[in-house]
Amino acid sequence: MTHSIAPSFMFFLHALALVNVMNLADCSLGAFAILNTARLLGYIPQIMRVHRDKAGARAVSISTWLLFTAANIATVSYSITVTHDLLAVAIFSANTVGCVAILVLTAWKRSRDQSRHTQNQNEPRNRAGDRTSGAHTYSKEI
């Protein structure tokens, strides 16, 4: 039993030594930098899914991404005017760009899908109700 406790105790001592070297502010800054950088990478799968979506990206919530964009802009403004934290300005500016990219791509996909849908609705139909290309002319039967 002493052998199973020893590695745990050694880990605890190592963690304690690390805490003595890094204070809470250092740990917080490290977590902030790592997590927000990872968040930047997190936009890529969302952008790819919107790009590949064939149905106008209907599953993407524009209001949610607008809220994320507004929150990032507010954080950039706060970082510039109050804390003068250039790291936060850079990270949240990049996050804003990611959110705006998703918004613009989603809006583009929806408008493209809507215009395609409208075009299909306006396409002429033949007597059987089938859509035609508009190139056919029909003669009256006598």
Protein backbone atom coordinates (compact mmCIF):
# COMPACT_ATOMS: atom_id res chain seq x y z
CA MET A 1 0.00 0.00 0.00
CA THR A 2 2.90 2.33 0.59
CA HIS A 3 3.90 1.96 -3.04
CA SER A 4 0.51 3.17 -4.36
CA ILE A 5 0.50 6.21 -2.06
CA ALA A 6 4.06 7.26 -2.89
CA PRO A 7 3.44 8.26 -6.53
CA SER A 8 0.31 10.21 -5.53
CA PHE A 9 2.18 11.95 -2.75
CA MET A 10 5.06 12.78 -5.08
CA PHE A 11 2.62 14.23 -7.61
CA PHE A 12 1.09 16.33 -4.83
CA LEU A 13 4.51 17.62 -3.80
CA HIS A 14 5.37 18.42 -7.41
CA ALA A 15 2.07 20.28 -7.85
CA LEU A 16 2.71 22.20 -4.63
CA ALA A 17 6.16 23.22 -5.85
CA LEU A 18 4.64 24.36 -9.15
CA VAL A 19 2.05 26.45 -7.31
CA ASN A 20 4.82 28.09 -5.34
CA VAL A 21 6.60 29.00 -8.59
CA MET A 22 3.43 30.12 -10.43
CA ASN A 23 0.88 32.23 -8.62
CA LEU A 24 -2.81 32.21 -9.44
CA ALA A 25 -2.47 35.16 -11.81
CA ASP A 26 0.21 33.31 -13.83
CA CYS A 27 -1.94 30.18 -13.99
CA SER A 28 -4.97 32.25 -15.04
CA LEU A 29 -3.03 34.00 -17.79
CA GLY A 30 -1.75 30.66 -19.06
CA ALA A 31 -5.23 29.14 -19.06
CA PHE A 32 -6.62 32.25 -20.79
CA ALA A 33 -4.01 32.14 -23.54
CA ILE A 34 -4.27 28.38 -24.12
CA LEU A 35 -8.07 28.16 -24.06
CA ASN A 36 -8.69 31.21 -26.21
CA THR A 37 -6.13 30.10 -28.75
CA ALA A 38 -7.87 26.72 -28.85
CA ARG A 39 -11.17 28.54 -29.32
CA LEU A 40 -9.74 30.20 -32.43
CA LEU A 41 -9.06 26.74 -33.84
CA GLY A 42 -12.60 25.75 -32.85
CA TYR A 43 -14.10 28.09 -35.44
CA ILE A 44 -12.60 26.07 -38.28
CA PRO A 45 -14.91 23.00 -37.99
CA GLN A 46 -17.98 25.28 -37.77
CA ILE A 47 -16.88 27.23 -40.84
CA MET A 48 -16.26 23.98 -42.74
CA ARG A 49 -19.69 22.60 -41.80
CA VAL A 50 -21.45 25.78 -42.91
CA HIS A 51 -19.46 25.76 -46.15
CA ARG A 52 -20.38 22.14 -46.91
CA ASP A 53 -24.05 22.47 -45.90
CA LYS A 54 -26.40 21.98 -48.85
CA ALA A 55 -29.55 23.24 -47.10
CA GLY A 56 -28.70 26.89 -46.45
CA ALA A 57 -27.05 26.31 -43.04
CA ARG A 58 -30.42 26.30 -41.29
CA ALA A 59 -28.98 24.58 -38.19
CA VAL A 60 -26.69 27.55 -37.44
CA SER A 61 -28.18 30.11 -35.08
CA ILE A 62 -27.43 33.59 -36.41
CA SER A 63 -28.65 35.20 -33.18
CA THR A 64 -26.20 33.12 -31.13
CA TRP A 65 -23.26 34.06 -33.36
CA LEU A 66 -24.34 37.73 -33.26
CA LEU A 67 -24.29 37.52 -29.46
CA PHE A 68 -20.81 35.93 -29.50
CA THR A 69 -19.62 38.66 -31.88
CA ALA A 70 -21.03 41.44 -29.69
CA ALA A 71 -19.45 39.92 -26.56
CA ASN A 72 -16.06 39.72 -28.29
CA ILE A 73 -16.32 43.34 -29.46
CA ALA A 74 -17.24 44.45 -25.94
CA THR A 75 -14.24 42.58 -24.54
CA VAL A 76 -11.94 44.19 -27.11
CA SER A 77 -13.29 47.61 -26.15
CA TYR A 78 -12.88 46.90 -22.43
CA SER A 79 -9.36 45.58 -22.98
CA ILE A 80 -8.40 48.73 -24.88
CA THR A 81 -10.03 51.31 -22.65
CA VAL A 82 -9.83 49.83 -19.15
CA THR A 83 -7.17 47.15 -18.77
CA HIS A 84 -4.87 48.17 -21.67
CA ASP A 85 -4.25 44.46 -22.19
CA LEU A 86 -2.89 43.96 -25.70
CA LEU A 87 -2.97 40.15 -25.41
CA ALA A 88 -6.71 40.27 -24.71
CA VAL A 89 -7.22 42.77 -27.53
CA ALA A 90 -5.42 40.48 -29.98
CA ILE A 91 -7.18 37.28 -28.88
CA PHE A 92 -10.69 38.74 -28.77
CA SER A 93 -10.18 40.59 -32.05
CA ALA A 94 -9.29 37.26 -33.64
CA ASN A 95 -12.36 35.68 -32.00
CA THR A 96 -14.47 38.48 -33.47
CA VAL A 97 -13.10 37.71 -36.93
CA GLY A 98 -13.99 34.03 -36.45
CA CYS A 99 -17.54 34.86 -35.40
CA VAL A 100 -18.01 37.32 -38.27
CA ALA A 101 -16.71 34.73 -40.74
CA ILE A 102 -19.35 32.26 -39.54
CA LEU A 103 -22.07 34.93 -39.70
CA VAL A 104 -21.16 36.08 -43.21
CA LEU A 105 -20.84 32.54 -44.56
CA THR A 106 -24.15 31.51 -42.98
CA ALA A 107 -25.97 34.57 -44.35
CA TRP A 108 -24.49 33.95 -47.80
CA LYS A 109 -25.51 30.28 -47.76
CA ARG A 110 -29.04 31.18 -46.67
CA SER A 111 -29.49 33.89 -49.29
CA ARG A 112 -28.15 31.58 -51.97
CA ASP A 113 -30.47 28.79 -50.82
CA GLN A 114 -33.42 31.20 -50.65
CA SER A 115 -32.81 32.54 -54.17
CA ARG A 116 -32.50 28.98 -55.49
CA HIS A 117 -35.75 28.06 -53.75
CA THR A 118 -37.52 31.15 -55.12
CA GLN A 119 -36.22 30.43 -58.61
CA ASN A 120 -37.59 26.88 -58.42
CA GLN A 121 -40.98 28.17 -57.24
CA ASN A 122 -41.23 30.57 -60.20
CA GLU A 123 -40.19 28.02 -62.81
CA PRO A 124 -43.05 27.34 -65.27
CA ARG A 125 -44.88 24.04 -65.22
CA ASN A 126 -46.22 21.98 -68.09
CA ARG A 127 -49.76 20.60 -68.27
CA ALA A 128 -48.87 17.64 -66.09
CA GLY A 129 -47.60 19.99 -63.37
CA ASP A 130 -43.95 19.15 -64.00
CA ARG A 131 -41.45 21.98 -63.96
CA THR A 132 -39.97 22.95 -67.26
CA SER A 133 -36.96 25.00 -68.19
CA GLY A 134 -39.18 27.67 -69.70
CA ALA A 135 -37.96 26.84 -73.21
CA HIS A 136 -41.04 24.83 -74.13
CA THR A 137 -44.03 26.41 -75.80
CA TYR A 138 -47.40 24.78 -75.78
CA SER A 139 -49.85 24.84 -78.66
CA LYS A 140 -53.55 24.79 -78.06
CA GLU A 141 -55.28 21.62 -79.00
CA ILE A 142 -58.22 21.93 -81.34
